Amino acid sequence: MASASSTSVLPAIALMAFGLIWTAGLTLWPQPGQPLAAVYPPSKAGTPALRAAANAGAQEVLAFGGWPSVVIVQSSAPDLADHLYQSGALLVLRAPRKTDCMR
């Protein structure tokens, strides 16, 4: 049987977890017109990742990320993230315009 003190912290833990997930979602969820980081499998590193991102409808390829299988792209198309997934990207996240990890 749970004690009174352990059941009283459950709502606080649930609220904290929800807030963390909500914040991460707002921070990382792709937005139209924003730079996106498309993470492709290592087998598509380099030119194949670049080609896949361009064929997905990226209007601008900004850079490679910290690994050659990460391509930073931008487009005004609202469905770019969906097209990147269809082109083989494992993960698509919002990306800053310029970071130290970009080459």
C-alpha atoms as a PDB file:
ATOM      1  CA  MET A   1       0.000   0.000   0.000  1.00  0.00           C
ATOM      2  CA  ALA A   2       1.341   3.433  -0.953  1.00  0.00           C
ATOM      3  CA  SER A   3       1.918   5.934   1.789  1.00  0.00           C
ATOM      4  CA  ALA A   4       0.252   9.341   1.787  1.00  0.00           C
ATOM      5  CA  SER A   5       3.541  11.112   1.019  1.00  0.00           C
ATOM      6  CA  SER A   6       4.288   9.014  -2.084  1.00  0.00           C
ATOM      7  CA  THR A   7       0.816   9.492  -3.569  1.00  0.00           C
ATOM      8  CA  SER A   8       0.949  13.244  -3.023  1.00  0.00           C
ATOM      9  CA  VAL A   9       4.014  13.628  -5.280  1.00  0.00           C
ATOM     10  CA  LEU A  10       2.548  11.700  -8.219  1.00  0.00           C
ATOM     11  CA  PRO A  11       0.627  14.694  -9.647  1.00  0.00           C
ATOM     12  CA  ALA A  12       3.756  16.848  -9.398  1.00  0.00           C
ATOM     13  CA  ILE A  13       5.829  14.215 -11.195  1.00  0.00           C
ATOM     14  CA  ALA A  14       3.183  13.859 -13.912  1.00  0.00           C
ATOM     15  CA  LEU A  15       3.020  17.635 -14.388  1.00  0.00           C
ATOM     16  CA  MET A  16       6.796  17.893 -14.584  1.00  0.00           C
ATOM     17  CA  ALA A  17       6.992  15.081 -17.164  1.00  0.00           C
ATOM     18  CA  PHE A  18       4.229  16.645 -19.258  1.00  0.00           C
ATOM     19  CA  GLY A  19       5.958  20.047 -19.149  1.00  0.00           C
ATOM     20  CA  LEU A  20       9.276  18.542 -20.202  1.00  0.00           C
ATOM     21  CA  ILE A  21       7.710  16.662 -23.114  1.00  0.00           C
ATOM     22  CA  TRP A  22       5.711  19.743 -24.167  1.00  0.00           C
ATOM     23  CA  THR A  23       8.799  21.975 -24.111  1.00  0.00           C
ATOM     24  CA  ALA A  24      10.897  19.467 -26.040  1.00  0.00           C
ATOM     25  CA  GLY A  25       8.136  19.126 -28.630  1.00  0.00           C
ATOM     26  CA  LEU A  26       7.844  22.881 -29.143  1.00  0.00           C
ATOM     27  CA  THR A  27      11.596  23.235 -29.357  1.00  0.00           C
ATOM     28  CA  LEU A  28      12.337  20.366 -31.720  1.00  0.00           C
ATOM     29  CA  TRP A  29       9.169  19.968 -33.814  1.00  0.00           C
ATOM     30  CA  PRO A  30       9.745  21.090 -37.425  1.00  0.00           C
ATOM     31  CA  GLN A  31       8.090  24.354 -38.485  1.00  0.00           C
ATOM     32  CA  PRO A  32       7.521  25.464 -42.112  1.00  0.00           C
ATOM     33  CA  GLY A  33      10.098  27.976 -43.287  1.00  0.00           C
ATOM     34  CA  GLN A  34      12.528  27.167 -40.469  1.00  0.00           C
ATOM     35  CA  PRO A  35      15.863  25.390 -41.017  1.00  0.00           C
ATOM     36  CA  LEU A  36      15.537  21.632 -40.527  1.00  0.00           C
ATOM     37  CA  ALA A  37      18.147  19.015 -39.674  1.00  0.00           C
ATOM     38  CA  ALA A  38      17.485  15.829 -41.621  1.00  0.00           C
ATOM     39  CA  VAL A  39      19.295  12.844 -40.097  1.00  0.00           C
ATOM     40  CA  TYR A  40      19.869  10.096 -42.653  1.00  0.00           C
ATOM     41  CA  PRO A  41      21.268   6.626 -41.980  1.00  0.00           C
ATOM     42  CA  PRO A  42      25.077   6.349 -42.092  1.00  0.00           C
ATOM     43  CA  SER A  43      24.775   4.413 -45.342  1.00  0.00           C
ATOM     44  CA  LYS A  44      23.513   7.644 -46.979  1.00  0.00           C
ATOM     45  CA  ALA A  45      26.303   9.864 -45.615  1.00  0.00           C
ATOM     46  CA  GLY A  46      27.698  12.631 -47.788  1.00  0.00           C
ATOM     47  CA  THR A  47      26.497  13.069 -51.348  1.00  0.00           C
ATOM     48  CA  PRO A  48      23.595  10.560 -51.095  1.00  0.00           C
ATOM     49  CA  ALA A  49      22.159  12.446 -48.088  1.00  0.00           C
ATOM     50  CA  LEU A  50      22.565  15.749 -49.905  1.00  0.00           C
ATOM     51  CA  ARG A  51      20.913  14.346 -53.024  1.00  0.00           C
ATOM     52  CA  ALA A  52      18.023  12.849 -51.009  1.00  0.00           C
ATOM     53  CA  ALA A  53      17.378  16.168 -49.236  1.00  0.00           C
ATOM     54  CA  ALA A  54      17.459  18.085 -52.526  1.00  0.00           C
ATOM     55  CA  ASN A  55      15.085  15.592 -54.163  1.00  0.00           C
ATOM     56  CA  ALA A  56      12.736  15.947 -51.170  1.00  0.00           C
ATOM     57  CA  GLY A  57      12.098  19.553 -52.133  1.00  0.00           C
ATOM     58  CA  ALA A  58      14.588  21.490 -50.046  1.00  0.00           C
ATOM     59  CA  GLN A  59      14.932  24.917 -51.637  1.00  0.00           C
ATOM     60  CA  GLU A  60      18.185  25.613 -49.844  1.00  0.00           C
ATOM     61  CA  VAL A  61      20.846  23.302 -48.431  1.00  0.00           C
ATOM     62  CA  LEU A  62      22.512  25.282 -45.654  1.00  0.00           C
ATOM     63  CA  ALA A  63      25.192  22.871 -44.456  1.00  0.00           C
ATOM     64  CA  PHE A  64      26.090  19.424 -43.251  1.00  0.00           C
ATOM     65  CA  GLY A  65      25.634  18.858 -39.527  1.00  0.00           C
ATOM     66  CA  GLY A  66      28.191  17.378 -37.157  1.00  0.00           C
ATOM     67  CA  TRP A  67      28.067  14.104 -39.112  1.00  0.00           C
ATOM     68  CA  PRO A  68      28.022  13.720 -42.901  1.00  0.00           C
ATOM     69  CA  SER A  69      24.635  11.990 -42.698  1.00  0.00           C
ATOM     70  CA  VAL A  70      23.006  15.134 -41.206  1.00  0.00           C
ATOM     71  CA  VAL A  71      21.912  17.768 -43.712  1.00  0.00           C
ATOM     72  CA  ILE A  72      20.620  21.213 -42.700  1.00  0.00           C
ATOM     73  CA  VAL A  73      18.007  22.395 -45.200  1.00  0.00           C
ATOM     74  CA  GLN A  74      15.348  25.061 -45.551  1.00  0.00           C
ATOM     75  CA  SER A  75      12.224  25.494 -47.643  1.00  0.00           C
ATOM     76  CA  SER A  76       8.994  27.442 -47.481  1.00  0.00           C
ATOM     77  CA  ALA A  77       7.038  24.272 -48.329  1.00  0.00           C
ATOM     78  CA  PRO A  78       4.879  23.299 -45.332  1.00  0.00           C
ATOM     79  CA  ASP A  79       5.306  19.573 -45.987  1.00  0.00           C
ATOM     80  CA  LEU A  80       9.108  19.502 -46.309  1.00  0.00           C
ATOM     81  CA  ALA A  81       9.502  17.382 -43.163  1.00  0.00           C
ATOM     82  CA  ASP A  82       7.152  14.741 -44.596  1.00  0.00           C
ATOM     83  CA  HIS A  83       9.096  14.694 -47.872  1.00  0.00           C
ATOM     84  CA  LEU A  84      12.394  14.361 -46.001  1.00  0.00           C
ATOM     85  CA  TYR A  85      11.028  11.333 -44.141  1.00  0.00           C
ATOM     86  CA  GLN A  86       9.848   9.856 -47.458  1.00  0.00           C
ATOM     87  CA  SER A  87      13.340  10.389 -48.901  1.00  0.00           C
ATOM     88  CA  GLY A  88      14.827   8.190 -46.166  1.00  0.00           C
ATOM     89  CA  ALA A  89      15.518  10.549 -43.257  1.00  0.00           C
ATOM     90  CA  LEU A  90      15.377   8.783 -39.908  1.00  0.00           C
ATOM     91  CA  LEU A  91      14.689  11.979 -37.966  1.00  0.00           C
ATOM     92  CA  VAL A  92      13.796  15.563 -38.857  1.00  0.00           C
ATOM     93  CA  LEU A  93      14.284  18.293 -36.260  1.00  0.00           C
ATOM     94  CA  ARG A  94      14.259  22.057 -36.153  1.00  0.00           C
ATOM     95  CA  ALA A  95      17.809  23.338 -36.592  1.00  0.00           C
ATOM     96  CA  PRO A  96      19.458  26.651 -35.814  1.00  0.00           C
ATOM     97  CA  ARG A  97      20.746  28.657 -38.744  1.00  0.00           C
ATOM     98  CA  LYS A  98      24.368  28.528 -37.593  1.00  0.00           C
ATOM     99  CA  THR A  99      26.029  26.452 -34.904  1.00  0.00           C
ATOM    100  CA  ASP A 100      29.541  25.353 -34.105  1.00  0.00           C
ATOM    101  CA  CYS A 101      28.786  21.808 -35.249  1.00  0.00           C
ATOM    102  CA  MET A 102      27.977  22.888 -38.832  1.00  0.00           C
ATOM    103  CA  ARG A 103      30.738  22.539 -41.367  1.00  0.00           C
END
